[in-house]
Amino acid sequence: MSVTRLFLIRHAEVEARYQNIFGGCIDMNLSPRGHEQARALAAFLGRLPMDALYASPMKRVEQTLAPWLNDGAPRPVVLRDLREVDFGDWTGLGWDAVKERFGHSAWEWLHHLERGEVPNGETGASFRARIEPCLRQIVREQPGRNVAIVCHGGVIRMILAIVLDLPLPQTAALTVDYASVARVALEKSRAELELLNFAPWRKLP
């Protein structure tokens, strides 16, 4: 039976002013360290037999991809709906500010998202309705192949929730660092998480 392997890759570190906030739909750049992470990530990914590449349209993903594209990555298929979750009125706020203004613990943001408690933001249902068709398209177009999906932490959590049949808030237990790789093997009736939060850049000073 053929196995489709999805390599779920989060973009590298963003510029300092957007760290530790709900960035979401802000189209930010990478930090200098993020560009170093992207180069380390490209060196790792360049050794893998990758058949196809799908990507978010956001700048932080485009900049993360640049070194790998210069080193022979497959031509990316950009899917607009792979962009990060829209945090509505939380956008641009740090965790303390969310607690002060809205009375919600940002540590539980996945629960708030799932329950539709982020003012003017996406709900868990609307976020899934945007991401799931992208996932189904990728699996349909690339059966039995190795496929990279370069996107965002929230998107990776939603994809894992879908393929592993988990409630989205349960993915809070899974770490998804900048420029990290998760790998999921998909067969007809099962999915297996083979790798999680592998970051090739960790030895950088």
Protein backbone atom coordinates (compact mmCIF):
# COMPACT_ATOMS: atom_id res chain seq x y z
CA MET A 1 0.00 0.00 0.00
CA SER A 2 1.40 3.40 -0.97
CA VAL A 3 2.15 5.90 1.78
CA THR A 4 1.89 9.66 1.38
CA ARG A 5 4.27 11.53 3.65
CA LEU A 6 3.56 15.12 4.57
CA PHE A 7 6.47 17.22 5.82
CA LEU A 8 4.87 20.05 7.78
CA ILE A 9 7.35 22.90 8.01
CA ARG A 10 6.87 26.08 10.02
CA HIS A 11 8.44 29.33 8.82
CA ALA A 12 11.58 30.61 10.54
CA GLU A 13 11.79 33.19 13.33
CA VAL A 14 10.09 36.52 12.58
CA GLU A 15 11.42 40.01 13.21
CA ALA A 16 11.69 40.94 16.89
CA ARG A 17 8.73 43.34 17.08
CA TYR A 18 6.35 40.54 16.07
CA GLN A 19 7.63 37.87 18.43
CA ASN A 20 5.45 36.82 21.37
CA ILE A 21 2.33 38.41 19.93
CA PHE A 22 -0.67 37.12 18.02
CA GLY A 23 0.75 37.91 14.58
CA GLY A 24 -1.68 35.89 12.50
CA CYS A 25 -2.52 37.79 9.33
CA ILE A 26 0.24 40.41 9.74
CA ASP A 27 2.55 39.93 6.75
CA MET A 28 5.87 40.21 8.59
CA ASN A 29 9.48 39.53 7.64
CA LEU A 30 12.01 37.13 9.14
CA SER A 31 14.56 38.25 11.72
CA PRO A 32 18.30 37.96 10.97
CA ARG A 33 18.31 34.76 13.04
CA GLY A 34 15.30 33.59 11.06
CA HIS A 35 17.31 33.87 7.85
CA GLU A 36 20.05 31.74 9.47
CA GLN A 37 17.44 29.19 10.48
CA ALA A 38 16.10 29.15 6.92
CA ARG A 39 19.55 28.35 5.55
CA ALA A 40 20.02 25.50 8.03
CA LEU A 41 16.56 24.21 7.20
CA ALA A 42 17.34 24.30 3.47
CA ALA A 43 20.52 22.28 3.99
CA PHE A 44 18.49 19.61 5.79
CA LEU A 45 15.59 19.57 3.35
CA GLY A 46 17.93 19.46 0.37
CA ARG A 47 19.01 15.96 1.44
CA LEU A 48 15.46 14.61 1.38
CA PRO A 49 13.75 13.09 -1.67
CA MET A 50 10.91 15.61 -1.96
CA ASP A 51 8.39 15.24 -4.78
CA ALA A 52 6.24 18.32 -4.31
CA LEU A 53 6.05 21.56 -2.36
CA TYR A 54 3.04 23.61 -1.25
CA ALA A 55 3.29 26.93 0.56
CA SER A 56 1.45 29.74 2.26
CA PRO A 57 1.56 33.07 0.37
CA MET A 58 2.83 35.06 3.38
CA LYS A 59 6.23 36.80 3.32
CA ARG A 60 7.66 34.91 6.28
CA VAL A 61 7.07 31.65 4.42
CA GLU A 62 8.41 33.02 1.14
CA GLN A 63 11.61 34.16 2.89
CA THR A 64 11.97 30.81 4.69
CA LEU A 65 11.71 29.02 1.37
CA ALA A 66 14.22 31.20 -0.50
CA PRO A 67 17.43 29.29 0.40
CA TRP A 68 15.84 25.93 -0.36
CA LEU A 69 14.49 27.16 -3.71
CA ASN A 70 18.00 28.30 -4.60
CA ASP A 71 19.21 24.79 -3.81
CA GLY A 72 16.87 22.80 -6.02
CA ALA A 73 13.58 22.52 -4.13
CA PRO A 74 10.50 21.57 -6.17
CA ARG A 75 8.65 24.53 -7.62
CA PRO A 76 6.14 25.61 -4.94
CA VAL A 77 2.39 25.58 -5.39
CA VAL A 78 1.16 28.56 -3.38
CA LEU A 79 -2.25 28.06 -1.79
CA ARG A 80 -3.77 31.27 -0.42
CA ASP A 81 -5.77 29.40 2.22
CA LEU A 82 -2.60 28.05 3.88
CA ARG A 83 -2.09 31.50 5.46
CA GLU A 84 -2.02 31.76 9.25
CA VAL A 85 -5.16 31.96 11.37
CA ASP A 86 -6.82 35.39 11.64
CA PHE A 87 -6.79 36.48 15.28
CA GLY A 88 -9.23 39.34 14.76
CA ASP A 89 -9.06 41.87 17.60
CA TRP A 90 -6.16 39.97 19.19
CA THR A 91 -3.93 40.68 16.19
CA GLY A 92 -0.76 42.48 17.20
CA LEU A 93 -1.34 41.99 20.93
CA GLY A 94 0.89 40.18 23.39
CA TRP A 95 -0.44 37.62 25.84
CA ASP A 96 -0.66 40.03 28.78
CA ALA A 97 -2.59 42.54 26.67
CA VAL A 98 -5.10 39.86 25.63
CA LYS A 99 -5.67 39.00 29.29
CA GLU A 100 -6.06 42.66 30.25
CA ARG A 101 -8.41 43.65 27.42
CA PHE A 102 -10.45 40.51 26.90
CA GLY A 103 -10.11 38.54 30.13
CA HIS A 104 -8.83 35.45 28.35
CA SER A 105 -5.69 33.50 29.14
CA ALA A 106 -3.67 33.49 25.95
CA TRP A 107 -2.11 30.21 27.10
CA GLU A 108 -5.48 28.69 26.20
CA TRP A 109 -5.75 30.35 22.80
CA LEU A 110 -6.62 27.11 21.03
CA HIS A 111 -9.60 26.61 23.32
CA HIS A 112 -10.75 30.20 22.73
CA LEU A 113 -10.32 29.80 18.99
CA GLU A 114 -12.25 26.52 18.98
CA ARG A 115 -15.14 28.09 20.91
CA GLY A 116 -15.26 31.20 18.73
CA GLU A 117 -14.19 33.50 21.56
CA VAL A 118 -11.65 35.56 19.60
CA PRO A 119 -13.53 38.77 18.69
CA ASN A 120 -13.74 39.27 14.91
CA GLY A 121 -11.32 36.38 14.40
CA GLU A 122 -11.71 32.96 12.87
CA THR A 123 -13.40 30.22 14.82
CA GLY A 124 -12.10 26.69 15.01
CA ALA A 125 -14.81 25.64 12.55
CA SER A 126 -14.10 28.40 10.02
CA PHE A 127 -10.34 27.84 10.28
CA ARG A 128 -10.81 24.12 9.65
CA ALA A 129 -13.16 24.87 6.73
CA ARG A 130 -10.34 26.88 5.15
CA ILE A 131 -7.45 24.47 5.81
CA GLU A 132 -9.11 21.09 5.23
CA PRO A 133 -9.78 21.62 1.49
CA CYS A 134 -6.09 22.53 1.03
CA LEU A 135 -5.08 19.33 2.78
CA ARG A 136 -7.51 17.23 0.73
CA GLN A 137 -6.24 18.83 -2.49
CA ILE A 138 -2.62 18.09 -1.61
CA VAL A 139 -3.30 14.46 -0.71
CA ARG A 140 -5.42 14.00 -3.83
CA GLU A 141 -2.77 15.48 -6.11
CA GLN A 142 0.24 13.72 -4.53
CA PRO A 143 -0.72 10.14 -3.61
CA GLY A 144 2.18 8.01 -2.45
CA ARG A 145 4.65 10.89 -2.62
CA ASN A 146 6.78 12.97 -0.26
CA VAL A 147 5.21 16.40 0.05
CA ALA A 148 6.45 19.50 1.87
CA ILE A 149 3.91 22.00 3.21
CA VAL A 150 5.61 25.21 4.36
CA CYS A 151 3.25 27.28 6.43
CA HIS A 152 2.52 28.42 10.01
CA GLY A 153 2.25 27.07 13.53
CA GLY A 154 -1.53 27.36 13.67
CA VAL A 155 -1.92 25.74 10.25
CA ILE A 156 0.33 22.85 11.23
CA ARG A 157 -1.73 22.31 14.39
CA MET A 158 -4.94 22.24 12.36
CA ILE A 159 -3.50 19.78 9.83
CA LEU A 160 -2.37 17.51 12.66
CA ALA A 161 -5.78 17.78 14.30
CA ILE A 162 -7.43 16.70 11.04
CA VAL A 163 -5.16 13.80 10.10
CA LEU A 164 -4.77 12.47 13.66
CA ASP A 165 -8.48 13.01 14.44
CA LEU A 166 -7.79 15.19 17.46
CA PRO A 167 -9.72 18.15 18.86
CA LEU A 168 -7.72 21.24 17.92
CA PRO A 169 -7.07 22.27 21.57
CA GLN A 170 -5.31 18.96 22.22
CA THR A 171 -2.55 20.00 19.82
CA ALA A 172 -1.41 22.46 22.51
CA ALA A 173 0.58 19.51 23.86
CA LEU A 174 2.62 19.42 20.63
CA THR A 175 5.53 21.83 20.25
CA VAL A 176 5.90 23.51 16.84
CA ASP A 177 9.00 25.73 16.93
CA TYR A 178 10.18 28.15 14.27
CA ALA A 179 11.75 26.39 11.26
CA SER A 180 10.78 22.98 12.56
CA VAL A 181 9.69 19.88 10.68
CA ALA A 182 6.93 17.40 11.50
CA ARG A 183 6.33 14.34 9.34
CA VAL A 184 3.07 12.43 9.00
CA ALA A 185 2.62 9.18 7.10
CA LEU A 186 -0.83 8.76 5.58
CA GLU A 187 -2.22 5.42 4.50
CA LYS A 188 -5.74 4.63 3.40
CA SER A 189 -7.18 4.11 6.88
CA ARG A 190 -4.57 5.49 9.27
CA ALA A 191 -2.13 8.31 9.95
CA GLU A 192 1.10 8.08 11.91
CA LEU A 193 3.08 10.99 13.33
CA GLU A 194 6.67 9.95 12.56
CA LEU A 195 8.54 13.14 13.47
CA LEU A 196 7.68 16.23 15.49
CA ASN A 197 9.41 19.57 16.03
CA PHE A 198 12.73 18.60 14.47
CA ALA A 199 14.70 21.86 14.07
CA PRO A 200 17.94 21.49 12.07
CA TRP A 201 19.12 24.93 13.24
CA ARG A 202 19.33 24.11 16.98
CA LYS A 203 23.14 24.05 16.99
CA LEU A 204 23.33 27.62 15.75
CA PRO A 205 25.00 29.94 18.31
